[in-house]
Amino acid sequence: MKNFTMGLGEQRKQNALTSRKPLRTAREMAEELGLTRQTLAAYIGHYDGPAPVFINGTSRNRNRNTWYDPEKIRDWWEAVQPKIKHTKETAIDKRRKEPAPTTTRAFLAQQWLREHGPATQRQLVEAGFINMSAGMLLKMIGFGALIKEKQNGRVTYTATDKDYLKLNGRSHYDTPTQIQGKTNE
């Protein structure tokens, strides 16, 4: 309860004399830890970081600052470092172990068409190429990998000799041997 016997000026003097812990903004703490402010905020949210001591400004205010107790942040960071390091190493190992794709769904559909002859879009879906959209078929036609023909009122697709190999959405290759020597950038 406040002491109302003191005047306003005396209360201000007394408050100014009380010792308070120094706080740091999220940006200052991120710089100290060698992170960006966004990365620190993500880690705090994901790994149950300490709550801010003071938030200055509203969510719509561009000049909003979040103030943290630096000791709590440092202690939390020391405790969470092994978890973050393990998560990063696991993700890197997964990426290294997964082989790079050498064919695409469209190329496999083209091989199937070579073996089975002309087919409609429905027949391609029944053969297991469920996501063969009309857009993909048009891209293959534009590339010269397929020929679209009308036979007996039905639209059929026939594979050509030109291989449709599009890796990772980057570029087309003419033969599978060109892919084997290519490394992902």
C-alpha atoms as a PDB file:
ATOM      1  CA  MET A   1       0.000   0.000   0.000  1.00  0.00           C
ATOM      2  CA  LYS A   2       1.284   3.440  -0.846  1.00  0.00           C
ATOM      3  CA  ASN A   3       2.214   5.872   1.829  1.00  0.00           C
ATOM      4  CA  PHE A   4       0.023   8.893   1.191  1.00  0.00           C
ATOM      5  CA  THR A   5       1.724  10.971   3.885  1.00  0.00           C
ATOM      6  CA  MET A   6       4.563  11.714   1.473  1.00  0.00           C
ATOM      7  CA  GLY A   7       4.071  14.273  -1.206  1.00  0.00           C
ATOM      8  CA  LEU A   8       4.346  13.397  -4.895  1.00  0.00           C
ATOM      9  CA  GLY A   9       7.863  14.806  -5.149  1.00  0.00           C
ATOM     10  CA  GLU A  10       9.068  12.750  -2.185  1.00  0.00           C
ATOM     11  CA  GLN A  11       7.595   9.571  -3.678  1.00  0.00           C
ATOM     12  CA  ARG A  12       9.432  10.220  -6.950  1.00  0.00           C
ATOM     13  CA  LYS A  13      12.716  10.719  -5.098  1.00  0.00           C
ATOM     14  CA  GLN A  14      12.214   7.501  -3.147  1.00  0.00           C
ATOM     15  CA  ASN A  15      11.364   5.537  -6.315  1.00  0.00           C
ATOM     16  CA  ALA A  16      14.454   6.934  -8.048  1.00  0.00           C
ATOM     17  CA  LEU A  17      16.663   5.753  -5.197  1.00  0.00           C
ATOM     18  CA  THR A  18      15.411   2.158  -5.213  1.00  0.00           C
ATOM     19  CA  SER A  19      17.763  -0.212  -6.972  1.00  0.00           C
ATOM     20  CA  ARG A  20      16.366  -2.097  -9.970  1.00  0.00           C
ATOM     21  CA  LYS A  21      17.949  -4.782 -12.077  1.00  0.00           C
ATOM     22  CA  PRO A  22      19.152  -3.588 -15.462  1.00  0.00           C
ATOM     23  CA  LEU A  23      17.028  -4.919 -18.293  1.00  0.00           C
ATOM     24  CA  ARG A  24      18.006  -5.541 -21.915  1.00  0.00           C
ATOM     25  CA  THR A  25      15.917  -5.323 -25.052  1.00  0.00           C
ATOM     26  CA  ALA A  26      15.393  -8.405 -27.175  1.00  0.00           C
ATOM     27  CA  ARG A  27      17.694  -6.934 -29.840  1.00  0.00           C
ATOM     28  CA  GLU A  28      20.504  -6.355 -27.319  1.00  0.00           C
ATOM     29  CA  MET A  29      20.181  -9.895 -25.977  1.00  0.00           C
ATOM     30  CA  ALA A  30      20.157 -11.325 -29.487  1.00  0.00           C
ATOM     31  CA  GLU A  31      23.365  -9.445 -30.350  1.00  0.00           C
ATOM     32  CA  GLU A  32      24.989 -10.709 -27.162  1.00  0.00           C
ATOM     33  CA  LEU A  33      24.076 -14.315 -28.042  1.00  0.00           C
ATOM     34  CA  GLY A  34      25.080 -13.925 -31.700  1.00  0.00           C
ATOM     35  CA  LEU A  35      21.538 -14.269 -33.086  1.00  0.00           C
ATOM     36  CA  THR A  36      19.062 -12.101 -34.901  1.00  0.00           C
ATOM     37  CA  ARG A  37      16.097 -10.729 -32.973  1.00  0.00           C
ATOM     38  CA  GLN A  38      13.704 -12.905 -34.986  1.00  0.00           C
ATOM     39  CA  THR A  39      15.730 -16.071 -34.288  1.00  0.00           C
ATOM     40  CA  LEU A  40      15.874 -15.323 -30.579  1.00  0.00           C
ATOM     41  CA  ALA A  41      12.108 -14.722 -30.512  1.00  0.00           C
ATOM     42  CA  ALA A  42      11.539 -18.048 -32.302  1.00  0.00           C
ATOM     43  CA  TYR A  43      13.772 -19.928 -29.861  1.00  0.00           C
ATOM     44  CA  ILE A  44      12.073 -18.284 -26.864  1.00  0.00           C
ATOM     45  CA  GLY A  45       8.673 -19.320 -28.192  1.00  0.00           C
ATOM     46  CA  HIS A  46       9.704 -22.840 -29.187  1.00  0.00           C
ATOM     47  CA  TYR A  47      11.869 -23.756 -26.192  1.00  0.00           C
ATOM     48  CA  ASP A  48       9.808 -22.139 -23.399  1.00  0.00           C
ATOM     49  CA  GLY A  49      12.037 -19.143 -22.835  1.00  0.00           C
ATOM     50  CA  PRO A  50      11.593 -16.658 -20.016  1.00  0.00           C
ATOM     51  CA  ALA A  51       8.748 -14.194 -20.196  1.00  0.00           C
ATOM     52  CA  PRO A  52       9.551 -10.537 -20.837  1.00  0.00           C
ATOM     53  CA  VAL A  53       9.717  -8.301 -17.796  1.00  0.00           C
ATOM     54  CA  PHE A  54       8.367  -5.241 -19.567  1.00  0.00           C
ATOM     55  CA  ILE A  55       6.761  -4.609 -22.952  1.00  0.00           C
ATOM     56  CA  ASN A  56       6.795  -1.002 -24.095  1.00  0.00           C
ATOM     57  CA  GLY A  57       4.284  -0.155 -26.812  1.00  0.00           C
ATOM     58  CA  THR A  58       1.346  -1.947 -28.370  1.00  0.00           C
ATOM     59  CA  SER A  59       1.323  -4.729 -30.945  1.00  0.00           C
ATOM     60  CA  ARG A  60       0.459  -2.204 -33.669  1.00  0.00           C
ATOM     61  CA  ASN A  61       3.217   0.177 -32.648  1.00  0.00           C
ATOM     62  CA  ARG A  62       6.362  -0.053 -34.795  1.00  0.00           C
ATOM     63  CA  ASN A  63       8.514   1.191 -31.921  1.00  0.00           C
ATOM     64  CA  ARG A  64       7.578  -1.628 -29.591  1.00  0.00           C
ATOM     65  CA  ASN A  65      10.388  -2.881 -27.348  1.00  0.00           C
ATOM     66  CA  THR A  66      10.433  -6.020 -25.245  1.00  0.00           C
ATOM     67  CA  TRP A  67      12.657  -5.954 -22.197  1.00  0.00           C
ATOM     68  CA  TYR A  68      14.118  -9.092 -20.590  1.00  0.00           C
ATOM     69  CA  ASP A  69      16.107  -9.900 -17.465  1.00  0.00           C
ATOM     70  CA  PRO A  70      19.552 -10.658 -18.954  1.00  0.00           C
ATOM     71  CA  GLU A  71      20.464 -13.183 -16.248  1.00  0.00           C
ATOM     72  CA  LYS A  72      17.344 -15.267 -16.926  1.00  0.00           C
ATOM     73  CA  ILE A  73      17.977 -15.173 -20.683  1.00  0.00           C
ATOM     74  CA  ARG A  74      21.627 -16.239 -20.239  1.00  0.00           C
ATOM     75  CA  ASP A  75      20.671 -19.106 -17.896  1.00  0.00           C
ATOM     76  CA  TRP A  76      17.911 -20.262 -20.249  1.00  0.00           C
ATOM     77  CA  TRP A  77      20.270 -20.036 -23.259  1.00  0.00           C
ATOM     78  CA  GLU A  78      22.899 -22.212 -21.510  1.00  0.00           C
ATOM     79  CA  ALA A  79      20.240 -24.842 -20.719  1.00  0.00           C
ATOM     80  CA  VAL A  80      18.673 -24.870 -24.192  1.00  0.00           C
ATOM     81  CA  GLN A  81      21.909 -24.915 -26.250  1.00  0.00           C
ATOM     82  CA  PRO A  82      22.265 -28.752 -26.314  1.00  0.00           C
ATOM     83  CA  LYS A  83      18.669 -29.150 -27.521  1.00  0.00           C
ATOM     84  CA  ILE A  84      19.130 -26.615 -30.315  1.00  0.00           C
ATOM     85  CA  LYS A  85      22.455 -28.148 -31.383  1.00  0.00           C
ATOM     86  CA  HIS A  86      20.951 -31.663 -31.452  1.00  0.00           C
ATOM     87  CA  THR A  87      17.961 -30.496 -33.503  1.00  0.00           C
ATOM     88  CA  LYS A  88      20.190 -28.755 -36.058  1.00  0.00           C
ATOM     89  CA  GLU A  89      22.537 -31.764 -36.387  1.00  0.00           C
ATOM     90  CA  THR A  90      19.606 -34.140 -36.856  1.00  0.00           C
ATOM     91  CA  ALA A  91      18.143 -31.968 -39.607  1.00  0.00           C
ATOM     92  CA  ILE A  92      21.517 -31.747 -41.384  1.00  0.00           C
ATOM     93  CA  ASP A  93      22.035 -35.527 -41.136  1.00  0.00           C
ATOM     94  CA  LYS A  94      18.589 -36.170 -42.609  1.00  0.00           C
ATOM     95  CA  ARG A  95      19.370 -33.922 -45.561  1.00  0.00           C
ATOM     96  CA  ARG A  96      22.681 -35.685 -46.178  1.00  0.00           C
ATOM     97  CA  LYS A  97      21.222 -39.196 -46.009  1.00  0.00           C
ATOM     98  CA  GLU A  98      18.345 -38.614 -48.382  1.00  0.00           C
ATOM     99  CA  PRO A  99      19.444 -39.329 -51.932  1.00  0.00           C
ATOM    100  CA  ALA A 100      18.930 -36.654 -54.532  1.00  0.00           C
ATOM    101  CA  PRO A 101      16.017 -37.449 -56.824  1.00  0.00           C
ATOM    102  CA  THR A 102      17.005 -38.679 -60.262  1.00  0.00           C
ATOM    103  CA  THR A 103      13.552 -38.782 -61.816  1.00  0.00           C
ATOM    104  CA  THR A 104      10.287 -36.970 -61.481  1.00  0.00           C
ATOM    105  CA  ARG A 105       6.682 -38.110 -61.507  1.00  0.00           C
ATOM    106  CA  ALA A 106       6.281 -36.639 -64.987  1.00  0.00           C
ATOM    107  CA  PHE A 107       9.274 -38.596 -66.310  1.00  0.00           C
ATOM    108  CA  LEU A 108       7.893 -41.822 -64.807  1.00  0.00           C
ATOM    109  CA  ALA A 109       4.539 -41.120 -66.478  1.00  0.00           C
ATOM    110  CA  GLN A 110       6.381 -40.594 -69.742  1.00  0.00           C
ATOM    111  CA  GLN A 111       8.142 -43.964 -69.342  1.00  0.00           C
ATOM    112  CA  TRP A 112       4.802 -45.626 -68.599  1.00  0.00           C
ATOM    113  CA  LEU A 113       3.329 -44.096 -71.766  1.00  0.00           C
ATOM    114  CA  ARG A 114       6.258 -45.458 -73.790  1.00  0.00           C
ATOM    115  CA  GLU A 115       5.580 -48.961 -72.482  1.00  0.00           C
ATOM    116  CA  HIS A 116       1.766 -48.914 -72.738  1.00  0.00           C
ATOM    117  CA  GLY A 117       1.156 -46.656 -75.732  1.00  0.00           C
ATOM    118  CA  PRO A 118      -1.275 -43.722 -75.972  1.00  0.00           C
ATOM    119  CA  ALA A 119      -3.464 -43.103 -72.917  1.00  0.00           C
ATOM    120  CA  THR A 120      -6.041 -40.641 -71.660  1.00  0.00           C
ATOM    121  CA  GLN A 121      -5.612 -38.556 -68.524  1.00  0.00           C
ATOM    122  CA  ARG A 122      -8.008 -40.907 -66.703  1.00  0.00           C
ATOM    123  CA  GLN A 123      -5.887 -43.921 -67.648  1.00  0.00           C
ATOM    124  CA  LEU A 124      -2.811 -42.153 -66.286  1.00  0.00           C
ATOM    125  CA  VAL A 125      -4.611 -41.592 -62.985  1.00  0.00           C
ATOM    126  CA  GLU A 126      -5.724 -45.240 -62.867  1.00  0.00           C
ATOM    127  CA  ALA A 127      -2.106 -46.305 -63.512  1.00  0.00           C
ATOM    128  CA  GLY A 128      -1.058 -44.563 -60.299  1.00  0.00           C
ATOM    129  CA  PHE A 129      -0.124 -41.095 -61.529  1.00  0.00           C
ATOM    130  CA  ILE A 130      -2.812 -39.529 -59.361  1.00  0.00           C
ATOM    131  CA  ASN A 131      -1.577 -35.945 -59.362  1.00  0.00           C
ATOM    132  CA  MET A 132      -0.967 -35.625 -63.086  1.00  0.00           C
ATOM    133  CA  SER A 133      -2.764 -32.359 -63.626  1.00  0.00           C
ATOM    134  CA  ALA A 134      -3.682 -30.897 -66.962  1.00  0.00           C
ATOM    135  CA  GLY A 135      -1.137 -28.142 -66.300  1.00  0.00           C
ATOM    136  CA  MET A 136       1.691 -30.660 -65.950  1.00  0.00           C
ATOM    137  CA  LEU A 137       0.617 -32.402 -69.140  1.00  0.00           C
ATOM    138  CA  LEU A 138       0.612 -29.044 -70.958  1.00  0.00           C
ATOM    139  CA  LYS A 139       4.141 -28.294 -69.708  1.00  0.00           C
ATOM    140  CA  MET A 140       5.282 -31.670 -70.991  1.00  0.00           C
ATOM    141  CA  ILE A 141       3.617 -30.985 -74.359  1.00  0.00           C
ATOM    142  CA  GLY A 142       5.279 -27.568 -74.540  1.00  0.00           C
ATOM    143  CA  PHE A 143       8.648 -29.130 -73.786  1.00  0.00           C
ATOM    144  CA  GLY A 144       8.111 -31.705 -76.541  1.00  0.00           C
ATOM    145  CA  ALA A 145       7.970 -34.748 -74.277  1.00  0.00           C
ATOM    146  CA  LEU A 146       4.324 -35.564 -75.073  1.00  0.00           C
ATOM    147  CA  ILE A 147       2.051 -35.325 -78.068  1.00  0.00           C
ATOM    148  CA  LYS A 148      -1.634 -34.590 -77.531  1.00  0.00           C
ATOM    149  CA  GLU A 149      -3.921 -36.273 -80.068  1.00  0.00           C
ATOM    150  CA  LYS A 150      -7.658 -36.656 -80.490  1.00  0.00           C
ATOM    151  CA  GLN A 151      -8.745 -40.186 -81.307  1.00  0.00           C
ATOM    152  CA  ASN A 152     -12.433 -41.103 -81.539  1.00  0.00           C
ATOM    153  CA  GLY A 153     -13.432 -37.937 -79.670  1.00  0.00           C
ATOM    154  CA  ARG A 154     -11.028 -38.678 -76.798  1.00  0.00           C
ATOM    155  CA  VAL A 155      -7.864 -36.788 -75.963  1.00  0.00           C
ATOM    156  CA  THR A 156      -4.874 -39.122 -75.682  1.00  0.00           C
ATOM    157  CA  TYR A 157      -1.255 -38.499 -74.830  1.00  0.00           C
ATOM    158  CA  THR A 158       1.714 -40.208 -76.476  1.00  0.00           C
ATOM    159  CA  ALA A 159       5.315 -40.045 -75.270  1.00  0.00           C
ATOM    160  CA  THR A 160       8.062 -38.792 -77.578  1.00  0.00           C
ATOM    161  CA  ASP A 161      11.759 -39.682 -77.567  1.00  0.00           C
ATOM    162  CA  LYS A 162      12.672 -36.475 -75.741  1.00  0.00           C
ATOM    163  CA  ASP A 163      12.990 -37.142 -71.981  1.00  0.00           C
ATOM    164  CA  TYR A 164      11.169 -34.793 -69.631  1.00  0.00           C
ATOM    165  CA  LEU A 165      13.434 -34.508 -66.586  1.00  0.00           C
ATOM    166  CA  LYS A 166      12.827 -31.498 -64.433  1.00  0.00           C
ATOM    167  CA  LEU A 167      14.758 -31.652 -61.182  1.00  0.00           C
ATOM    168  CA  ASN A 168      13.795 -29.455 -58.238  1.00  0.00           C
ATOM    169  CA  GLY A 169      11.901 -27.077 -60.501  1.00  0.00           C
ATOM    170  CA  ARG A 170      15.137 -25.738 -61.986  1.00  0.00           C
ATOM    171  CA  SER A 171      15.673 -26.813 -65.578  1.00  0.00           C
ATOM    172  CA  HIS A 172      15.039 -29.536 -68.135  1.00  0.00           C
ATOM    173  CA  TYR A 173      17.563 -32.143 -69.194  1.00  0.00           C
ATOM    174  CA  ASP A 174      17.584 -34.143 -72.404  1.00  0.00           C
ATOM    175  CA  THR A 175      19.004 -37.418 -71.098  1.00  0.00           C
ATOM    176  CA  PRO A 176      19.209 -39.153 -67.704  1.00  0.00           C
ATOM    177  CA  THR A 177      23.007 -39.325 -67.924  1.00  0.00           C
ATOM    178  CA  GLN A 178      23.228 -35.533 -67.674  1.00  0.00           C
ATOM    179  CA  ILE A 179      21.558 -35.673 -64.272  1.00  0.00           C
ATOM    180  CA  GLN A 180      23.997 -38.164 -62.768  1.00  0.00           C
ATOM    181  CA  GLY A 181      26.915 -35.754 -63.190  1.00  0.00           C
ATOM    182  CA  LYS A 182      24.877 -32.768 -61.999  1.00  0.00           C
ATOM    183  CA  THR A 183      25.087 -31.699 -58.357  1.00  0.00           C
ATOM    184  CA  ASN A 184      22.372 -29.783 -56.545  1.00  0.00           C
ATOM    185  CA  GLU A 185      23.445 -26.189 -55.948  1.00  0.00           C
END
